[in-house]
mmCIF file of all heavy atoms, coordinates in Angstrom:
data_MODEL
# 
_entry.id   MODEL 
# 
loop_
_atom_site.group_PDB 
_atom_site.id 
_atom_site.type_symbol 
_atom_site.label_atom_id 
_atom_site.label_alt_id 
_atom_site.label_comp_id 
_atom_site.label_asym_id 
_atom_site.label_entity_id 
_atom_site.label_seq_id 
_atom_site.pdbx_PDB_ins_code 
_atom_site.Cartn_x 
_atom_site.Cartn_y 
_atom_site.Cartn_z 
_atom_site.occupancy 
_atom_site.B_iso_or_equiv 
_atom_site.pdbx_formal_charge 
_atom_site.auth_seq_id 
_atom_site.auth_comp_id 
_atom_site.auth_asym_id 
_atom_site.auth_atom_id 
_atom_site.pdbx_PDB_model_num 
ATOM 1   N N   . GLY A 1 1  ? 140.320 80.080  -8.402  1.00 0.00 ? 1  GLY A N   1 
ATOM 2   C CA  . GLY A 1 1  ? 139.664 81.375  -8.448  1.00 0.00 ? 1  GLY A CA  1 
ATOM 3   C C   . GLY A 1 1  ? 140.614 82.521  -8.728  1.00 0.00 ? 1  GLY A C   1 
ATOM 4   O O   . GLY A 1 1  ? 141.822 82.315  -8.925  1.00 0.00 ? 1  GLY A O   1 
ATOM 5   N N   . SER A 1 2  ? 140.055 83.721  -8.717  1.00 0.00 ? 2  SER A N   1 
ATOM 6   C CA  . SER A 1 2  ? 140.826 84.919  -9.042  1.00 0.00 ? 2  SER A CA  1 
ATOM 7   C C   . SER A 1 2  ? 140.581 86.019  -8.025  1.00 0.00 ? 2  SER A C   1 
ATOM 8   O O   . SER A 1 2  ? 139.515 86.082  -7.404  1.00 0.00 ? 2  SER A O   1 
ATOM 9   C CB  . SER A 1 2  ? 140.437 85.440  -10.426 1.00 0.00 ? 2  SER A CB  1 
ATOM 10  O OG  . SER A 1 2  ? 140.708 84.499  -11.442 1.00 0.00 ? 2  SER A OG  1 
ATOM 11  N N   . LEU A 1 3  ? 141.580 86.872  -7.881  1.00 0.00 ? 3  LEU A N   1 
ATOM 12  C CA  . LEU A 1 3  ? 141.474 88.081  -7.081  1.00 0.00 ? 3  LEU A CA  1 
ATOM 13  C C   . LEU A 1 3  ? 142.287 89.167  -7.755  1.00 0.00 ? 3  LEU A C   1 
ATOM 14  O O   . LEU A 1 3  ? 143.276 88.871  -8.441  1.00 0.00 ? 3  LEU A O   1 
ATOM 15  C CB  . LEU A 1 3  ? 142.016 87.868  -5.664  1.00 0.00 ? 3  LEU A CB  1 
ATOM 16  C CG  . LEU A 1 3  ? 141.181 87.075  -4.666  1.00 0.00 ? 3  LEU A CG  1 
ATOM 17  C CD1 . LEU A 1 3  ? 141.994 86.835  -3.391  1.00 0.00 ? 3  LEU A CD1 1 
ATOM 18  C CD2 . LEU A 1 3  ? 139.888 87.790  -4.335  1.00 0.00 ? 3  LEU A CD2 1 
ATOM 19  N N   . ARG A 1 4  ? 141.912 90.415  -7.517  1.00 0.00 ? 4  ARG A N   1 
ATOM 20  C CA  . ARG A 1 4  ? 142.731 91.536  -7.965  1.00 0.00 ? 4  ARG A CA  1 
ATOM 21  C C   . ARG A 1 4  ? 143.080 92.386  -6.753  1.00 0.00 ? 4  ARG A C   1 
ATOM 22  O O   . ARG A 1 4  ? 142.197 92.925  -6.082  1.00 0.00 ? 4  ARG A O   1 
ATOM 23  C CB  . ARG A 1 4  ? 142.044 92.398  -9.022  1.00 0.00 ? 4  ARG A CB  1 
ATOM 24  C CG  . ARG A 1 4  ? 143.013 93.440  -9.599  1.00 0.00 ? 4  ARG A CG  1 
ATOM 25  C CD  . ARG A 1 4  ? 142.417 94.251  -10.731 1.00 0.00 ? 4  ARG A CD  1 
ATOM 26  N NE  . ARG A 1 4  ? 141.621 95.363  -10.246 1.00 0.00 ? 4  ARG A NE  1 
ATOM 27  C CZ  . ARG A 1 4  ? 141.431 96.491  -10.918 1.00 0.00 ? 4  ARG A CZ  1 
ATOM 28  N NH1 . ARG A 1 4  ? 142.008 96.659  -12.108 1.00 0.00 ? 4  ARG A NH1 1 
ATOM 29  N NH2 . ARG A 1 4  ? 140.675 97.445  -10.437 1.00 0.00 ? 4  ARG A NH2 1 
ATOM 30  N N   . LEU A 1 5  ? 144.352 92.494  -6.489  1.00 0.00 ? 5  LEU A N   1 
ATOM 31  C CA  . LEU A 1 5  ? 144.845 93.308  -5.391  1.00 0.00 ? 5  LEU A CA  1 
ATOM 32  C C   . LEU A 1 5  ? 145.159 94.720  -5.889  1.00 0.00 ? 5  LEU A C   1 
ATOM 33  O O   . LEU A 1 5  ? 145.566 94.905  -7.029  1.00 0.00 ? 5  LEU A O   1 
ATOM 34  C CB  . LEU A 1 5  ? 146.096 92.697  -4.774  1.00 0.00 ? 5  LEU A CB  1 
ATOM 35  C CG  . LEU A 1 5  ? 146.001 91.237  -4.328  1.00 0.00 ? 5  LEU A CG  1 
ATOM 36  C CD1 . LEU A 1 5  ? 147.313 90.822  -3.654  1.00 0.00 ? 5  LEU A CD1 1 
ATOM 37  C CD2 . LEU A 1 5  ? 144.829 91.017  -3.420  1.00 0.00 ? 5  LEU A CD2 1 
ATOM 38  N N   . SER A 1 6  ? 144.981 95.682  -5.001  1.00 0.00 ? 6  SER A N   1 
ATOM 39  C CA  . SER A 1 6  ? 145.312 97.076  -5.301  1.00 0.00 ? 6  SER A CA  1 
ATOM 40  C C   . SER A 1 6  ? 146.247 97.621  -4.234  1.00 0.00 ? 6  SER A C   1 
ATOM 41  O O   . SER A 1 6  ? 146.165 97.228  -3.064  1.00 0.00 ? 6  SER A O   1 
ATOM 42  C CB  . SER A 1 6  ? 144.043 97.936  -5.349  1.00 0.00 ? 6  SER A CB  1 
ATOM 43  O OG  . SER A 1 6  ? 143.162 97.514  -6.360  1.00 0.00 ? 6  SER A OG  1 
ATOM 44  N N   . CYS A 1 7  ? 147.097 98.524  -4.645  1.00 0.00 ? 7  CYS A N   1 
ATOM 45  C CA  . CYS A 1 7  ? 148.007 99.204  -3.731  1.00 0.00 ? 7  CYS A CA  1 
ATOM 46  C C   . CYS A 1 7  ? 147.950 100.689 -4.046  1.00 0.00 ? 7  CYS A C   1 
ATOM 47  O O   . CYS A 1 7  ? 148.403 101.115 -5.118  1.00 0.00 ? 7  CYS A O   1 
ATOM 48  C CB  . CYS A 1 7  ? 149.419 98.670  -3.903  1.00 0.00 ? 7  CYS A CB  1 
ATOM 49  S SG  . CYS A 1 7  ? 150.700 99.654  -3.088  1.00 0.00 ? 7  CYS A SG  1 
ATOM 50  N N   . ALA A 1 8  ? 147.384 101.446 -3.129  1.00 0.00 ? 8  ALA A N   1 
ATOM 51  C CA  . ALA A 1 8  ? 147.270 102.893 -3.309  1.00 0.00 ? 8  ALA A CA  1 
ATOM 52  C C   . ALA A 1 8  ? 148.463 103.580 -2.661  1.00 0.00 ? 8  ALA A C   1 
ATOM 53  O O   . ALA A 1 8  ? 148.765 103.344 -1.486  1.00 0.00 ? 8  ALA A O   1 
ATOM 54  C CB  . ALA A 1 8  ? 145.969 103.383 -2.693  1.00 0.00 ? 8  ALA A CB  1 
ATOM 55  N N   . ALA A 1 9  ? 149.127 104.421 -3.442  1.00 0.00 ? 9  ALA A N   1 
ATOM 56  C CA  . ALA A 1 9  ? 150.288 105.158 -2.939  1.00 0.00 ? 9  ALA A CA  1 
ATOM 57  C C   . ALA A 1 9  ? 149.895 106.597 -2.628  1.00 0.00 ? 9  ALA A C   1 
ATOM 58  O O   . ALA A 1 9  ? 149.022 107.172 -3.297  1.00 0.00 ? 9  ALA A O   1 
ATOM 59  C CB  . ALA A 1 9  ? 151.412 105.143 -3.966  1.00 0.00 ? 9  ALA A CB  1 
ATOM 60  N N   . SER A 1 10 ? 150.557 107.159 -1.642  1.00 0.00 ? 10 SER A N   1 
ATOM 61  C CA  . SER A 1 10 ? 150.213 108.514 -1.219  1.00 0.00 ? 10 SER A CA  1 
ATOM 62  C C   . SER A 1 10 ? 150.809 109.581 -2.121  1.00 0.00 ? 10 SER A C   1 
ATOM 63  O O   . SER A 1 10 ? 150.397 110.729 -2.098  1.00 0.00 ? 10 SER A O   1 
ATOM 64  C CB  . SER A 1 10 ? 150.680 108.753 0.220   1.00 0.00 ? 10 SER A CB  1 
ATOM 65  O OG  . SER A 1 10 ? 152.076 108.556 0.337   1.00 0.00 ? 10 SER A OG  1 
ATOM 66  N N   . THR A 1 11 ? 151.794 109.185 -2.907  1.00 0.00 ? 11 THR A N   1 
ATOM 67  C CA  . THR A 1 11 ? 152.416 110.150 -3.815  1.00 0.00 ? 11 THR A CA  1 
ATOM 68  C C   . THR A 1 11 ? 152.618 109.510 -5.184  1.00 0.00 ? 11 THR A C   1 
ATOM 69  O O   . THR A 1 11 ? 152.445 108.300 -5.342  1.00 0.00 ? 11 THR A O   1 
ATOM 70  C CB  . THR A 1 11 ? 153.783 110.611 -3.277  1.00 0.00 ? 11 THR A CB  1 
ATOM 71  O OG1 . THR A 1 11 ? 154.656 109.475 -3.217  1.00 0.00 ? 11 THR A OG1 1 
ATOM 72  C CG2 . THR A 1 11 ? 153.666 111.223 -1.904  1.00 0.00 ? 11 THR A CG2 1 
ATOM 73  N N   . SER A 1 12 ? 152.983 110.311 -6.146  1.00 0.00 ? 12 SER A N   1 
ATOM 74  C CA  . SER A 1 12 ? 153.178 109.803 -7.507  1.00 0.00 ? 12 SER A CA  1 
ATOM 75  C C   . SER A 1 12 ? 154.562 109.186 -7.633  1.00 0.00 ? 12 SER A C   1 
ATOM 76  O O   . SER A 1 12 ? 155.523 109.856 -7.988  1.00 0.00 ? 12 SER A O   1 
ATOM 77  C CB  . SER A 1 12 ? 153.007 110.956 -8.509  1.00 0.00 ? 12 SER A CB  1 
ATOM 78  O OG  . SER A 1 12 ? 151.709 111.488 -8.431  1.00 0.00 ? 12 SER A OG  1 
ATOM 79  N N   . ILE A 1 13 ? 154.626 107.902 -7.336  1.00 0.00 ? 13 ILE A N   1 
ATOM 80  C CA  . ILE A 1 13 ? 155.909 107.197 -7.355  1.00 0.00 ? 13 ILE A CA  1 
ATOM 81  C C   . ILE A 1 13 ? 156.005 106.137 -8.436  1.00 0.00 ? 13 ILE A C   1 
ATOM 82  O O   . ILE A 1 13 ? 157.090 105.650 -8.739  1.00 0.00 ? 13 ILE A O   1 
ATOM 83  C CB  . ILE A 1 13 ? 156.172 106.517 -5.994  1.00 0.00 ? 13 ILE A CB  1 
ATOM 84  C CG1 . ILE A 1 13 ? 155.041 105.533 -5.676  1.00 0.00 ? 13 ILE A CG1 1 
ATOM 85  C CG2 . ILE A 1 13 ? 156.345 107.563 -4.900  1.00 0.00 ? 13 ILE A CG2 1 
ATOM 86  C CD1 . ILE A 1 13 ? 155.289 104.702 -4.441  1.00 0.00 ? 13 ILE A CD1 1 
ATOM 87  N N   . LEU A 1 14 ? 154.852 105.787 -9.016  1.00 0.00 ? 14 LEU A N   1 
ATOM 88  C CA  . LEU A 1 14 ? 154.836 104.630 -9.906  1.00 0.00 ? 14 LEU A CA  1 
ATOM 89  C C   . LEU A 1 14 ? 155.615 104.885 -11.193 1.00 0.00 ? 14 LEU A C   1 
ATOM 90  O O   . LEU A 1 14 ? 156.067 103.932 -11.826 1.00 0.00 ? 14 LEU A O   1 
ATOM 91  C CB  . LEU A 1 14 ? 153.395 104.234 -10.226 1.00 0.00 ? 14 LEU A CB  1 
ATOM 92  C CG  . LEU A 1 14 ? 152.532 103.865 -9.021  1.00 0.00 ? 14 LEU A CG  1 
ATOM 93  C CD1 . LEU A 1 14 ? 151.166 103.405 -9.479  1.00 0.00 ? 14 LEU A CD1 1 
ATOM 94  C CD2 . LEU A 1 14 ? 153.199 102.804 -8.164  1.00 0.00 ? 14 LEU A CD2 1 
ATOM 95  N N   . SER A 1 15 ? 155.743 106.138 -11.590 1.00 0.00 ? 15 SER A N   1 
ATOM 96  C CA  . SER A 1 15 ? 156.475 106.450 -12.814 1.00 0.00 ? 15 SER A CA  1 
ATOM 97  C C   . SER A 1 15 ? 157.948 106.730 -12.543 1.00 0.00 ? 15 SER A C   1 
ATOM 98  O O   . SER A 1 15 ? 158.692 107.070 -13.455 1.00 0.00 ? 15 SER A O   1 
ATOM 99  C CB  . SER A 1 15 ? 155.846 107.662 -13.510 1.00 0.00 ? 15 SER A CB  1 
ATOM 100 O OG  . SER A 1 15 ? 155.894 108.787 -12.657 1.00 0.00 ? 15 SER A OG  1 
ATOM 101 N N   . ILE A 1 16 ? 158.339 106.574 -11.278 1.00 0.00 ? 16 ILE A N   1 
ATOM 102 C CA  . ILE A 1 16 ? 159.718 106.877 -10.886 1.00 0.00 ? 16 ILE A CA  1 
ATOM 103 C C   . ILE A 1 16 ? 160.478 105.623 -10.499 1.00 0.00 ? 16 ILE A C   1 
ATOM 104 O O   . ILE A 1 16 ? 161.626 105.427 -10.914 1.00 0.00 ? 16 ILE A O   1 
ATOM 105 C CB  . ILE A 1 16 ? 159.735 107.872 -9.714  1.00 0.00 ? 16 ILE A CB  1 
ATOM 106 C CG1 . ILE A 1 16 ? 159.022 109.174 -10.098 1.00 0.00 ? 16 ILE A CG1 1 
ATOM 107 C CG2 . ILE A 1 16 ? 161.176 108.150 -9.280  1.00 0.00 ? 16 ILE A CG2 1 
ATOM 108 C CD1 . ILE A 1 16 ? 158.874 110.136 -8.945  1.00 0.00 ? 16 ILE A CD1 1 
ATOM 109 N N   . TYR A 1 17 ? 159.834 104.783 -9.705  1.00 0.00 ? 17 TYR A N   1 
ATOM 110 C CA  . TYR A 1 17 ? 160.520 103.637 -9.128  1.00 0.00 ? 17 TYR A CA  1 
ATOM 111 C C   . TYR A 1 17 ? 159.995 102.313 -9.685  1.00 0.00 ? 17 TYR A C   1 
ATOM 112 O O   . TYR A 1 17 ? 158.847 102.207 -10.086 1.00 0.00 ? 17 TYR A O   1 
ATOM 113 C CB  . TYR A 1 17 ? 160.316 103.611 -7.615  1.00 0.00 ? 17 TYR A CB  1 
ATOM 114 C CG  . TYR A 1 17 ? 160.805 104.844 -6.902  1.00 0.00 ? 17 TYR A CG  1 
ATOM 115 C CD1 . TYR A 1 17 ? 159.914 105.706 -6.271  1.00 0.00 ? 17 TYR A CD1 1 
ATOM 116 C CD2 . TYR A 1 17 ? 162.162 105.152 -6.852  1.00 0.00 ? 17 TYR A CD2 1 
ATOM 117 C CE1 . TYR A 1 17 ? 160.354 106.834 -5.606  1.00 0.00 ? 17 TYR A CE1 1 
ATOM 118 C CE2 . TYR A 1 17 ? 162.603 106.283 -6.189  1.00 0.00 ? 17 TYR A CE2 1 
ATOM 119 C CZ  . TYR A 1 17 ? 161.697 107.114 -5.578  1.00 0.00 ? 17 TYR A CZ  1 
ATOM 120 O OH  . TYR A 1 17 ? 162.136 108.236 -4.933  1.00 0.00 ? 17 TYR A OH  1 
ATOM 121 N N   . THR A 1 18 ? 160.837 101.315 -9.616  1.00 0.00 ? 18 THR A N   1 
ATOM 122 C CA  . THR A 1 18 ? 160.374 99.946  -9.813  1.00 0.00 ? 18 THR A CA  1 
ATOM 123 C C   . THR A 1 18 ? 159.580 99.552  -8.577  1.00 0.00 ? 18 THR A C   1 
ATOM 124 O O   . THR A 1 18 ? 160.050 99.723  -7.446  1.00 0.00 ? 18 THR A O   1 
ATOM 125 C CB  . THR A 1 18 ? 161.562 98.992  -10.000 1.00 0.00 ? 18 THR A CB  1 
ATOM 126 O OG1 . THR A 1 18 ? 162.198 99.287  -11.250 1.00 0.00 ? 18 THR A OG1 1 
ATOM 127 C CG2 . THR A 1 18 ? 161.105 97.543  -10.010 1.00 0.00 ? 18 THR A CG2 1 
ATOM 128 N N   . MET A 1 19 ? 158.380 99.044  -8.791  1.00 0.00 ? 19 MET A N   1 
ATOM 129 C CA  . MET A 1 19 ? 157.513 98.655  -7.699  1.00 0.00 ? 19 MET A CA  1 
ATOM 130 C C   . MET A 1 19 ? 157.270 97.152  -7.748  1.00 0.00 ? 19 MET A C   1 
ATOM 131 O O   . MET A 1 19 ? 157.312 96.543  -8.822  1.00 0.00 ? 19 MET A O   1 
ATOM 132 C CB  . MET A 1 19 ? 156.177 99.384  -7.776  1.00 0.00 ? 19 MET A CB  1 
ATOM 133 C CG  . MET A 1 19 ? 156.288 100.881 -7.612  1.00 0.00 ? 19 MET A CG  1 
ATOM 134 S SD  . MET A 1 19 ? 156.828 101.375 -5.953  1.00 0.00 ? 19 MET A SD  1 
ATOM 135 C CE  . MET A 1 19 ? 155.439 100.806 -4.955  1.00 0.00 ? 19 MET A CE  1 
ATOM 136 N N   . GLY A 1 20 ? 156.995 96.593  -6.590  1.00 0.00 ? 20 GLY A N   1 
ATOM 137 C CA  . GLY A 1 20 ? 156.788 95.158  -6.546  1.00 0.00 ? 20 GLY A CA  1 
ATOM 138 C C   . GLY A 1 20 ? 155.670 94.740  -5.616  1.00 0.00 ? 20 GLY A C   1 
ATOM 139 O O   . GLY A 1 20 ? 155.285 95.487  -4.718  1.00 0.00 ? 20 GLY A O   1 
ATOM 140 N N   . TRP A 1 21 ? 155.171 93.562  -5.862  1.00 0.00 ? 21 TRP A N   1 
ATOM 141 C CA  . TRP A 1 21 ? 154.268 92.870  -4.947  1.00 0.00 ? 21 TRP A CA  1 
ATOM 142 C C   . TRP A 1 21 ? 155.069 91.766  -4.254  1.00 0.00 ? 21 TRP A C   1 
ATOM 143 O O   . TRP A 1 21 ? 155.770 90.995  -4.920  1.00 0.00 ? 21 TRP A O   1 
ATOM 144 C CB  . TRP A 1 21 ? 153.087 92.271  -5.677  1.00 0.00 ? 21 TRP A CB  1 
ATOM 145 C CG  . TRP A 1 21 ? 152.009 93.259  -5.999  1.00 0.00 ? 21 TRP A CG  1 
ATOM 146 C CD1 . TRP A 1 21 ? 151.796 93.887  -7.185  1.00 0.00 ? 21 TRP A CD1 1 
ATOM 147 C CD2 . TRP A 1 21 ? 150.994 93.735  -5.109  1.00 0.00 ? 21 TRP A CD2 1 
ATOM 148 N NE1 . TRP A 1 21 ? 150.714 94.732  -7.091  1.00 0.00 ? 21 TRP A NE1 1 
ATOM 149 C CE2 . TRP A 1 21 ? 150.204 94.652  -5.824  1.00 0.00 ? 21 TRP A CE2 1 
ATOM 150 C CE3 . TRP A 1 21 ? 150.670 93.476  -3.779  1.00 0.00 ? 21 TRP A CE3 1 
ATOM 151 C CZ2 . TRP A 1 21 ? 149.109 95.314  -5.261  1.00 0.00 ? 21 TRP A CZ2 1 
ATOM 152 C CZ3 . TRP A 1 21 ? 149.589 94.123  -3.201  1.00 0.00 ? 21 TRP A CZ3 1 
ATOM 153 C CH2 . TRP A 1 21 ? 148.822 95.035  -3.943  1.00 0.00 ? 21 TRP A CH2 1 
ATOM 154 N N   . PHE A 1 22 ? 154.931 91.716  -2.953  1.00 0.00 ? 22 PHE A N   1 
ATOM 155 C CA  . PHE A 1 22 ? 155.611 90.742  -2.130  1.00 0.00 ? 22 PHE A CA  1 
ATOM 156 C C   . PHE A 1 22 ? 154.552 89.939  -1.365  1.00 0.00 ? 22 PHE A C   1 
ATOM 157 O O   . PHE A 1 22 ? 153.428 90.387  -1.192  1.00 0.00 ? 22 PHE A O   1 
ATOM 158 C CB  . PHE A 1 22 ? 156.527 91.431  -1.117  1.00 0.00 ? 22 PHE A CB  1 
ATOM 159 C CG  . PHE A 1 22 ? 157.585 92.304  -1.744  1.00 0.00 ? 22 PHE A CG  1 
ATOM 160 C CD1 . PHE A 1 22 ? 157.270 93.575  -2.222  1.00 0.00 ? 22 PHE A CD1 1 
ATOM 161 C CD2 . PHE A 1 22 ? 158.901 91.862  -1.841  1.00 0.00 ? 22 PHE A CD2 1 
ATOM 162 C CE1 . PHE A 1 22 ? 158.246 94.387  -2.796  1.00 0.00 ? 22 PHE A CE1 1 
ATOM 163 C CE2 . PHE A 1 22 ? 159.873 92.675  -2.405  1.00 0.00 ? 22 PHE A CE2 1 
ATOM 164 C CZ  . PHE A 1 22 ? 159.540 93.928  -2.887  1.00 0.00 ? 22 PHE A CZ  1 
ATOM 165 N N   . ARG A 1 23 ? 154.942 88.773  -0.893  1.00 0.00 ? 23 ARG A N   1 
ATOM 166 C CA  . ARG A 1 23 ? 154.025 88.017  -0.051  1.00 0.00 ? 23 ARG A CA  1 
ATOM 167 C C   . ARG A 1 23 ? 154.806 87.301  1.035   1.00 0.00 ? 23 ARG A C   1 
ATOM 168 O O   . ARG A 1 23 ? 155.988 86.996  0.873   1.00 0.00 ? 23 ARG A O   1 
ATOM 169 C CB  . ARG A 1 23 ? 153.217 87.015  -0.869  1.00 0.00 ? 23 ARG A CB  1 
ATOM 170 C CG  . ARG A 1 23 ? 154.005 85.863  -1.455  1.00 0.00 ? 23 ARG A CG  1 
ATOM 171 C CD  . ARG A 1 23 ? 153.110 85.004  -2.335  1.00 0.00 ? 23 ARG A CD  1 
ATOM 172 N NE  . ARG A 1 23 ? 153.831 83.867  -2.908  1.00 0.00 ? 23 ARG A NE  1 
ATOM 173 C CZ  . ARG A 1 23 ? 153.305 83.060  -3.830  1.00 0.00 ? 23 ARG A CZ  1 
ATOM 174 N NH1 . ARG A 1 23 ? 152.064 83.266  -4.282  1.00 0.00 ? 23 ARG A NH1 1 
ATOM 175 N NH2 . ARG A 1 23 ? 154.019 82.062  -4.299  1.00 0.00 ? 23 ARG A NH2 1 
ATOM 176 N N   . GLN A 1 24 ? 154.111 87.078  2.137   1.00 0.00 ? 24 GLN A N   1 
ATOM 177 C CA  . GLN A 1 24 ? 154.712 86.364  3.255   1.00 0.00 ? 24 GLN A CA  1 
ATOM 178 C C   . GLN A 1 24 ? 153.703 85.375  3.811   1.00 0.00 ? 24 GLN A C   1 
ATOM 179 O O   . GLN A 1 24 ? 152.644 85.760  4.300   1.00 0.00 ? 24 GLN A O   1 
ATOM 180 C CB  . GLN A 1 24 ? 155.164 87.328  4.341   1.00 0.00 ? 24 GLN A CB  1 
ATOM 181 C CG  . GLN A 1 24 ? 155.947 86.663  5.458   1.00 0.00 ? 24 GLN A CG  1 
ATOM 182 C CD  . GLN A 1 24 ? 156.652 87.657  6.358   1.00 0.00 ? 24 GLN A CD  1 
ATOM 183 O OE1 . GLN A 1 24 ? 156.294 88.834  6.416   1.00 0.00 ? 24 GLN A OE1 1 
ATOM 184 N NE2 . GLN A 1 24 ? 157.669 87.196  7.065   1.00 0.00 ? 24 GLN A NE2 1 
ATOM 185 N N   . ALA A 1 25 ? 154.056 84.110  3.694   1.00 0.00 ? 25 ALA A N   1 
ATOM 186 C CA  . ALA A 1 25 ? 153.244 83.041  4.257   1.00 0.00 ? 25 ALA A CA  1 
ATOM 187 C C   . ALA A 1 25 ? 153.716 82.759  5.681   1.00 0.00 ? 25 ALA A C   1 
ATOM 188 O O   . ALA A 1 25 ? 154.865 83.053  6.030   1.00 0.00 ? 25 ALA A O   1 
ATOM 189 C CB  . ALA A 1 25 ? 153.363 81.794  3.394   1.00 0.00 ? 25 ALA A CB  1 
ATOM 190 N N   . PRO A 1 26 ? 152.845 82.183  6.504   1.00 0.00 ? 26 PRO A N   1 
ATOM 191 C CA  . PRO A 1 26 ? 153.245 81.888  7.891   1.00 0.00 ? 26 PRO A CA  1 
ATOM 192 C C   . PRO A 1 26 ? 154.508 81.055  7.956   1.00 0.00 ? 26 PRO A C   1 
ATOM 193 O O   . PRO A 1 26 ? 154.631 80.038  7.258   1.00 0.00 ? 26 PRO A O   1 
ATOM 194 C CB  . PRO A 1 26 ? 152.041 81.113  8.424   1.00 0.00 ? 26 PRO A CB  1 
ATOM 195 C CG  . PRO A 1 26 ? 150.891 81.594  7.616   1.00 0.00 ? 26 PRO A CG  1 
ATOM 196 C CD  . PRO A 1 26 ? 151.456 81.831  6.240   1.00 0.00 ? 26 PRO A CD  1 
ATOM 197 N N   . GLY A 1 27 ? 155.457 81.510  8.746   1.00 0.00 ? 27 GLY A N   1 
ATOM 198 C CA  . GLY A 1 27 ? 156.687 80.773  8.928   1.00 0.00 ? 27 GLY A CA  1 
ATOM 199 C C   . GLY A 1 27 ? 157.691 80.889  7.806   1.00 0.00 ? 27 GLY A C   1 
ATOM 200 O O   . GLY A 1 27 ? 158.734 80.227  7.830   1.00 0.00 ? 27 GLY A O   1 
# 
């Protein structure tokens, strides 16, 4: 299946910094 995740930022940072998606599985 598929999902689309979103990350809303409080300020305009996306054009300034490298941004990433991270994940953490149990353990």
